Amino acid sequence: MNKKIWLSSPHMGGEEQKYIQKAFDTNWIAPLGSNITEFEKGIEAYIGQNTHVVALSSGTAAIHLALVLLGVQQGDEVLCQSFTFSATANPIIYVGATPIFIDSEVATWNMCPNLLEEAIKERMLKGKKPKAIIAVHLYGMPYNVKKIKAIGKKYKIPIIEDAASALGSEVNGQQCGAFGDFGILSFNGNKIITTSGGGALICKNKETKEKAIFLATQARDEAPHYQHSHIGYNYRMSNVLAGIGRGQLEVLQERVKARRKIFNLYKETLRHTHFQFLEEPEGDTSNRWLTCVLTESYSIREKIRVSLLHENIESRPLWKPMHIQPVFKDYLNYRNGISEELFEKGLCLPSSSNITEKELNRIVGVLKDF
């Protein structure tokens, strides 16, 4: 059997071991230490905009903390992009709030600004002003930042920017992650850079960062004994894993270039086929974390996926929208059918930054048969 080609595998840069060894040499095998401090500083410098970053155990933890810091609680409503991974929506349930799902637009596949505003108006007429908006830069493609930010400002609703897949993506030259009231990053094993498991919360000021760290470290009060006046969480990143992150951050730009090159190779090689690729709106730059294609129908998508699987090549359908997921199907949603069509026809192709030319030729060979 041919060697397995993964959808998006980790790609080490070479310096990770140095920083991991530093954690062992100094005996900081804990959620505290110089690797965490330097990793956070590195992300802050990369994103810019005077951001303040908290390294956490996952992107899901970051969304949860953002909701807590915004005061979202039981009985509140949160507007959430439907076309996303469940980790975007799950923390809404953690805090006892109710998700309301918003469908996608054609241009970016992300949250539709028109449906978003429609939902806000209808909920406010019913006396239920939403407490927050969670918008996602799906597959590294920025959502319509200008319009959604304007809507949030107009109705005074804070925005949680889920940039879990969008580290290295830009809008008009500004890095994604700093557009919302809070930003979210993920360093899961399949992301553009990884700490094996991990994430980050991007805050607007130092005070909020300190509150986030307090909550992420079990909300321990200042006292010689263990005393707690607030509910806390065990969400801080390990100093060992932050060492991996420091090494990965050094090669981030190389990884973005590699992923974008892979997208362009797929697009060029398949230009005479019926596959459709998502283009970047003017001013937007996607990190192209995953290259995605639209096929002509569900049946064709499945034939392609199975054919790739028979060649030991991993591919995956686009996200199944939250509003048709069994666990969320009974929640209110504002839909236009776009995300359901994307789910039926769309496929994620192998996009690892360490993929070889030989492996790409294997993948394209299967695709061209269709």
Protein backbone atom coordinates (compact mmCIF):
# COMPACT_ATOMS: atom_id res chain seq x y z
CA MET A 1 0.00 0.00 0.00
CA ASN A 2 1.15 3.53 -0.74
CA LYS A 3 2.38 5.69 2.13
CA LYS A 4 -0.38 7.56 3.94
CA ILE A 5 -0.90 11.19 2.90
CA TRP A 6 -2.48 13.14 5.76
CA LEU A 7 -4.87 16.06 5.45
CA SER A 8 -2.74 18.37 7.60
CA SER A 9 0.14 16.90 9.57
CA PRO A 10 2.48 18.60 12.06
CA HIS A 11 5.65 20.06 10.55
CA MET A 12 8.51 20.75 12.93
CA GLY A 13 10.97 23.54 12.22
CA GLY A 14 14.06 22.18 13.99
CA GLU A 15 14.40 24.51 16.98
CA GLU A 16 11.55 23.07 19.06
CA GLN A 17 13.82 20.61 20.89
CA LYS A 18 16.07 23.45 22.06
CA TYR A 19 13.21 25.20 23.85
CA ILE A 20 11.80 21.94 25.22
CA GLN A 21 15.22 21.10 26.61
CA LYS A 22 15.34 24.52 28.26
CA ALA A 23 12.13 23.68 30.13
CA PHE A 24 13.71 20.43 31.35
CA ASP A 25 17.04 22.04 32.20
CA THR A 26 15.36 24.70 34.34
CA ASN A 27 12.83 22.18 35.73
CA TRP A 28 9.89 24.35 34.67
CA ILE A 29 7.65 21.41 33.75
CA ALA A 30 4.55 23.38 34.64
CA PRO A 31 2.02 25.93 33.31
CA LEU A 32 4.54 28.64 34.11
CA GLY A 33 7.99 29.56 32.82
CA SER A 34 10.02 31.50 30.30
CA ASN A 35 8.77 29.53 27.28
CA ILE A 36 5.19 30.62 27.99
CA THR A 37 6.26 34.24 28.48
CA GLU A 38 8.33 34.32 25.30
CA PHE A 39 5.74 32.44 23.24
CA GLU A 40 3.09 34.98 24.24
CA LYS A 41 5.42 37.87 23.43
CA GLY A 42 6.18 36.32 20.04
CA ILE A 43 2.49 36.05 19.13
CA GLU A 44 1.87 39.62 20.33
CA ALA A 45 4.69 40.90 18.15
CA TYR A 46 3.46 38.92 15.14
CA ILE A 47 -0.16 40.05 15.35
CA GLY A 48 0.67 43.60 16.41
CA GLN A 49 -2.06 46.17 17.19
CA ASN A 50 -0.87 46.30 20.82
CA THR A 51 -2.47 42.92 21.56
CA HIS A 52 -2.07 40.97 24.80
CA VAL A 53 -1.93 37.17 24.49
CA VAL A 54 -2.65 34.37 26.97
CA ALA A 55 -1.34 30.89 26.06
CA LEU A 56 -3.93 28.24 26.91
CA SER A 57 -4.58 24.52 26.66
CA SER A 58 -6.85 24.85 23.61
CA GLY A 59 -8.71 27.23 21.34
CA THR A 60 -11.94 25.94 22.89
CA ALA A 61 -10.71 27.09 26.31
CA ALA A 62 -10.00 30.51 24.78
CA ILE A 63 -13.58 30.86 23.49
CA HIS A 64 -14.92 29.75 26.88
CA LEU A 65 -12.82 32.35 28.71
CA ALA A 66 -13.82 35.06 26.24
CA LEU A 67 -17.50 34.35 26.95
CA VAL A 68 -16.88 34.39 30.70
CA LEU A 69 -14.94 37.67 30.50
CA LEU A 70 -17.80 39.20 28.49
CA GLY A 71 -20.22 38.24 31.24
CA VAL A 72 -22.21 35.79 29.12
CA GLN A 73 -24.30 33.58 31.37
CA GLN A 74 -27.40 31.43 31.63
CA GLY A 75 -30.33 32.87 29.70
CA ASP A 76 -28.18 34.97 27.35
CA GLU A 77 -28.10 34.45 23.59
CA VAL A 78 -24.95 34.27 21.46
CA LEU A 79 -24.95 34.61 17.67
CA CYS A 80 -22.61 32.00 16.22
CA GLN A 81 -21.44 31.10 12.74
CA SER A 82 -23.13 27.85 11.75
CA PHE A 83 -20.54 26.68 9.21
CA THR A 84 -17.73 25.77 11.60
CA PHE A 85 -16.35 23.06 13.88
CA SER A 86 -18.39 22.29 17.01
CA ALA A 87 -15.65 23.70 19.25
CA THR A 88 -16.79 27.18 18.20
CA ALA A 89 -20.29 26.59 19.57
CA ASN A 90 -19.75 24.22 22.51
CA PRO A 91 -18.48 26.89 24.96
CA ILE A 92 -21.79 28.77 24.56
CA ILE A 93 -23.41 25.76 26.19
CA TYR A 94 -20.66 25.61 28.85
CA VAL A 95 -21.74 29.02 30.19
CA GLY A 96 -25.45 28.12 30.04
CA ALA A 97 -26.23 30.48 27.18
CA THR A 98 -28.22 29.74 24.01
CA PRO A 99 -26.58 29.64 20.58
CA ILE A 100 -28.34 31.15 17.57
CA PHE A 101 -26.77 30.02 14.33
CA ILE A 102 -26.09 32.28 11.34
CA ASP A 103 -25.57 30.87 7.85
CA SER A 104 -22.82 31.75 5.37
CA GLU A 105 -22.21 34.13 2.49
CA VAL A 106 -20.90 32.98 -0.90
CA ALA A 107 -17.88 35.32 -1.02
CA THR A 108 -16.01 33.94 2.02
CA TRP A 109 -18.09 30.92 3.16
CA ASN A 110 -18.19 32.66 6.54
CA MET A 111 -20.95 34.41 8.51
CA CYS A 112 -23.38 36.31 6.29
CA PRO A 113 -23.55 39.96 7.47
CA ASN A 114 -27.11 40.36 6.14
CA LEU A 115 -28.43 37.37 8.07
CA LEU A 116 -26.48 38.52 11.14
CA GLU A 117 -28.20 41.91 11.16
CA GLU A 118 -31.58 40.32 10.47
CA ALA A 119 -31.11 38.03 13.49
CA ILE A 120 -30.08 40.92 15.75
CA LYS A 121 -33.12 43.00 14.76
CA GLU A 122 -35.55 40.12 15.29
CA ARG A 123 -34.08 39.13 18.66
CA MET A 124 -34.13 42.74 19.87
CA LEU A 125 -37.80 43.09 18.84
CA LYS A 126 -38.47 40.12 21.11
CA GLY A 127 -36.57 41.81 23.96
CA LYS A 128 -33.58 39.45 23.67
CA LYS A 129 -30.56 41.47 22.60
CA PRO A 130 -27.71 39.00 21.86
CA LYS A 131 -24.81 39.17 24.30
CA ALA A 132 -22.02 38.33 21.81
CA ILE A 133 -21.18 37.37 18.23
CA ILE A 134 -18.76 34.54 17.37
CA ALA A 135 -17.48 34.88 13.80
CA VAL A 136 -15.00 32.45 12.24
CA HIS A 137 -12.20 32.80 9.67
CA LEU A 138 -12.98 29.38 8.19
CA TYR A 139 -10.09 27.36 6.71
CA GLY A 140 -7.95 30.52 7.05
CA MET A 141 -10.23 32.67 4.85
CA PRO A 142 -11.08 35.94 6.66
CA TYR A 143 -14.73 36.64 7.30
CA ASN A 144 -16.15 39.99 6.15
CA VAL A 145 -14.41 41.94 8.90
CA LYS A 146 -15.52 45.39 7.77
CA LYS A 147 -19.25 44.64 7.65
CA ILE A 148 -19.43 42.41 10.72
CA LYS A 149 -17.37 44.81 12.81
CA ALA A 150 -19.68 47.66 11.75
CA ILE A 151 -22.75 45.61 12.75
CA GLY A 152 -21.24 44.80 16.14
CA LYS A 153 -20.48 48.48 16.71
CA LYS A 154 -23.93 49.61 15.53
CA TYR A 155 -25.77 47.38 18.00
CA LYS A 156 -23.05 47.46 20.69
CA ILE A 157 -22.54 43.69 20.65
CA PRO A 158 -18.98 42.43 21.27
CA ILE A 159 -17.33 40.13 18.73
CA ILE A 160 -15.30 37.02 19.51
CA GLU A 161 -13.03 36.47 16.51
CA ASP A 162 -12.44 32.75 16.02
CA ALA A 163 -9.11 32.79 14.19
CA ALA A 164 -8.31 29.20 15.21
CA SER A 165 -7.36 28.36 11.63
CA ALA A 166 -6.27 31.82 10.54
CA LEU A 167 -2.88 32.56 12.11
CA GLY A 168 -0.99 34.23 9.26
CA SER A 169 -4.11 35.41 7.41
CA GLU A 170 -4.54 39.15 6.82
CA VAL A 171 -7.14 41.79 6.02
CA ASN A 172 -5.68 44.88 4.35
CA GLY A 173 -2.26 44.01 5.73
CA GLN A 174 -3.41 43.50 9.32
CA GLN A 175 -3.10 40.09 10.91
CA CYS A 176 -6.26 38.21 11.80
CA GLY A 177 -6.83 37.81 15.51
CA ALA A 178 -6.95 41.49 16.46
CA PHE A 179 -10.23 42.54 14.82
CA GLY A 180 -12.63 41.32 17.50
CA ASP A 181 -13.09 42.34 21.12
CA PHE A 182 -11.38 39.01 21.77
CA GLY A 183 -9.38 36.83 19.38
CA ILE A 184 -8.95 33.06 19.43
CA LEU A 185 -6.07 30.95 18.12
CA SER A 186 -5.58 27.19 18.01
CA PHE A 187 -2.32 25.23 18.01
CA ASN A 188 -3.90 21.81 17.62
CA GLY A 189 -1.82 19.14 15.89
CA ASN A 190 -3.38 19.82 12.49
CA LYS A 191 -3.03 23.63 12.52
CA ILE A 192 -0.56 25.73 10.51
CA ILE A 193 1.75 25.72 13.54
CA THR A 194 1.23 23.44 16.52
CA THR A 195 2.08 22.94 20.17
CA SER A 196 0.57 19.41 19.87
CA GLY A 197 -2.46 20.75 21.71
CA GLY A 198 -3.00 24.35 22.72
CA GLY A 199 -4.51 27.70 21.94
CA ALA A 200 -4.42 31.37 22.82
CA LEU A 201 -6.74 34.17 23.85
CA ILE A 202 -6.00 37.57 22.34
CA CYS A 203 -7.02 40.50 24.57
CA LYS A 204 -7.15 44.24 24.00
CA ASN A 205 -5.37 45.30 27.19
CA LYS A 206 -3.11 44.08 29.97
CA GLU A 207 -5.85 44.19 32.61
CA THR A 208 -8.04 41.78 30.65
CA LYS A 209 -5.06 39.49 30.04
CA GLU A 210 -4.42 39.35 33.79
CA LYS A 211 -8.07 38.49 34.44
CA ALA A 212 -7.86 35.72 31.84
CA ILE A 213 -4.72 34.26 33.46
CA PHE A 214 -6.42 34.42 36.88
CA LEU A 215 -9.42 32.46 35.59
CA ALA A 216 -7.23 30.02 33.63
CA THR A 217 -5.22 29.11 36.76
CA GLN A 218 -8.15 28.09 38.99
CA ALA A 219 -8.95 31.67 40.11
CA ARG A 220 -6.78 31.46 43.20
CA ASP A 221 -7.00 34.52 45.48
CA GLU A 222 -3.95 36.29 46.92
CA ALA A 223 -3.42 34.35 50.14
CA PRO A 224 -0.83 32.05 51.75
CA HIS A 225 -3.43 29.26 51.64
CA TYR A 226 -5.67 28.10 48.81
CA GLN A 227 -8.62 30.48 48.70
CA HIS A 228 -11.13 30.99 45.89
CA SER A 229 -13.80 33.66 45.48
CA HIS A 230 -14.52 32.84 41.81
CA ILE A 231 -14.96 29.69 39.74
CA GLY A 232 -11.73 29.03 37.87
CA TYR A 233 -10.45 26.67 35.20
CA ASN A 234 -7.33 24.63 34.54
CA TYR A 235 -6.67 26.15 31.11
CA ARG A 236 -3.05 27.39 31.14
CA MET A 237 -0.57 26.04 28.58
CA SER A 238 2.36 23.94 29.77
CA ASN A 239 5.83 25.49 29.64
CA VAL A 240 6.99 22.39 27.74
CA LEU A 241 4.37 22.79 25.01
CA ALA A 242 5.06 26.52 24.82
CA GLY A 243 8.64 25.52 23.95
CA ILE A 244 7.29 23.71 20.88
CA GLY A 245 5.31 26.84 20.08
CA ARG A 246 8.40 29.06 20.21
CA GLY A 247 10.15 26.87 17.67
CA GLN A 248 7.05 26.74 15.47
CA LEU A 249 6.55 30.50 15.57
CA GLU A 250 10.01 30.97 14.06
CA VAL A 251 8.90 29.17 10.87
CA LEU A 252 5.33 30.48 10.68
CA GLN A 253 5.89 32.64 7.61
CA GLU A 254 7.51 29.71 5.80
CA ARG A 255 4.48 27.57 6.63
CA VAL A 256 2.08 30.21 5.29
CA LYS A 257 4.08 30.45 2.05
CA ALA A 258 4.10 26.66 1.70
CA ARG A 259 0.33 26.34 2.22
CA ARG A 260 -0.40 29.12 -0.24
CA LYS A 261 1.92 27.47 -2.77
CA ILE A 262 0.04 24.17 -2.37
CA PHE A 263 -3.27 25.94 -3.02
CA ASN A 264 -1.89 27.56 -6.17
CA LEU A 265 -0.49 24.24 -7.41
CA TYR A 266 -3.89 22.55 -6.99
CA LYS A 267 -5.64 25.46 -8.68
CA GLU A 268 -3.22 25.57 -11.62
CA THR A 269 -3.11 21.81 -12.13
CA LEU A 270 -6.90 21.45 -11.98
CA ARG A 271 -7.76 24.61 -13.92
CA HIS A 272 -9.38 22.69 -16.79
CA THR A 273 -11.61 20.60 -14.50
CA HIS A 274 -15.00 21.27 -12.92
CA PHE A 275 -13.54 21.83 -9.44
CA GLN A 276 -14.25 25.27 -7.95
CA PHE A 277 -11.84 27.05 -5.59
CA LEU A 278 -12.64 29.80 -3.08
CA GLU A 279 -10.96 33.02 -4.19
CA GLU A 280 -9.76 35.76 -1.83
CA PRO A 281 -11.92 38.90 -1.70
CA GLU A 282 -10.01 42.11 -2.47
CA GLY A 283 -7.77 43.09 0.44
CA ASP A 284 -7.88 39.65 2.08
CA THR A 285 -4.99 37.19 2.29
CA SER A 286 -5.75 33.65 3.44
CA ASN A 287 -3.05 31.46 4.97
CA ARG A 288 -4.73 28.65 2.97
CA TRP A 289 -4.57 26.35 5.98
CA LEU A 290 -6.61 23.83 4.03
CA THR A 291 -7.22 23.84 0.29
CA CYS A 292 -10.90 23.18 -0.32
CA VAL A 293 -12.74 22.45 -3.56
CA LEU A 294 -16.38 22.36 -4.55
CA THR A 295 -17.53 19.48 -6.73
CA GLU A 296 -20.71 19.29 -8.82
CA SER A 297 -22.74 17.14 -6.42
CA TYR A 298 -22.74 15.11 -3.22
CA SER A 299 -22.39 11.85 -5.13
CA ILE A 300 -19.33 13.08 -7.04
CA ARG A 301 -17.76 14.40 -3.83
CA GLU A 302 -18.20 11.03 -2.19
CA LYS A 303 -16.79 9.14 -5.18
CA ILE A 304 -13.70 11.36 -5.07
CA ARG A 305 -13.31 11.00 -1.29
CA VAL A 306 -13.58 7.22 -1.45
CA SER A 307 -11.18 7.04 -4.42
CA LEU A 308 -8.62 9.07 -2.47
CA LEU A 309 -9.17 6.85 0.57
CA HIS A 310 -8.49 3.74 -1.54
CA GLU A 311 -5.14 5.31 -2.45
CA ASN A 312 -4.42 5.90 1.27
CA ILE A 313 -4.98 9.66 0.88
CA GLU A 314 -6.90 11.48 3.60
CA SER A 315 -9.53 14.03 2.57
CA ARG A 316 -12.57 15.30 4.41
CA PRO A 317 -15.97 16.84 3.62
CA LEU A 318 -16.34 20.50 4.55
CA TRP A 319 -17.80 21.17 8.00
CA LYS A 320 -21.33 19.98 8.62
CA PRO A 321 -23.18 23.15 9.70
CA MET A 322 -24.10 23.42 13.35
CA HIS A 323 -27.80 23.99 12.63
CA ILE A 324 -28.11 20.48 11.15
CA GLN A 325 -25.93 18.76 13.76
CA PRO A 326 -28.01 16.41 15.98
CA VAL A 327 -26.88 18.16 19.15
CA PHE A 328 -27.79 21.67 17.90
CA LYS A 329 -30.67 21.01 15.47
CA ASP A 330 -33.36 22.38 17.80
CA TYR A 331 -31.73 25.79 18.29
CA LEU A 332 -32.89 28.87 16.43
CA ASN A 333 -31.05 29.51 13.16
CA TYR A 334 -31.06 31.99 10.31
CA ARG A 335 -30.21 30.13 7.13
CA ASN A 336 -30.03 30.67 3.40
CA GLY A 337 -28.93 27.17 2.32
CA ILE A 338 -25.35 28.13 1.45
CA SER A 339 -23.56 26.20 4.19
CA GLU A 340 -25.63 23.08 3.55
CA GLU A 341 -24.70 23.18 -0.14
CA LEU A 342 -21.03 23.69 0.75
CA PHE A 343 -21.18 20.69 3.07
CA GLU A 344 -22.78 18.52 0.39
CA LYS A 345 -20.37 19.43 -2.41
CA GLY A 346 -17.15 20.50 -0.69
CA LEU A 347 -13.99 18.56 0.06
CA CYS A 348 -10.81 19.43 1.97
CA LEU A 349 -7.65 18.24 0.20
CA PRO A 350 -4.30 17.32 1.78
CA SER A 351 -2.51 20.59 2.52
CA SER A 352 0.38 19.77 4.86
CA SER A 353 3.26 22.20 4.49
CA ASN A 354 5.65 19.22 4.36
CA ILE A 355 3.83 17.46 1.51
CA THR A 356 6.14 16.36 -1.31
CA GLU A 357 5.82 16.90 -5.06
CA LYS A 358 5.47 13.15 -5.52
CA GLU A 359 2.59 13.07 -3.04
CA LEU A 360 0.86 16.01 -4.73
CA ASN A 361 1.14 14.21 -8.07
CA ARG A 362 -0.53 11.15 -6.51
CA ILE A 363 -3.43 13.29 -5.26
CA VAL A 364 -3.87 15.21 -8.50
CA GLY A 365 -3.76 11.96 -10.45
CA VAL A 366 -6.85 10.72 -8.61
CA LEU A 367 -8.62 14.07 -8.95
CA LYS A 368 -8.01 14.34 -12.68
CA ASP A 369 -9.82 11.05 -13.21
CA PHE A 370 -12.99 12.96 -12.39
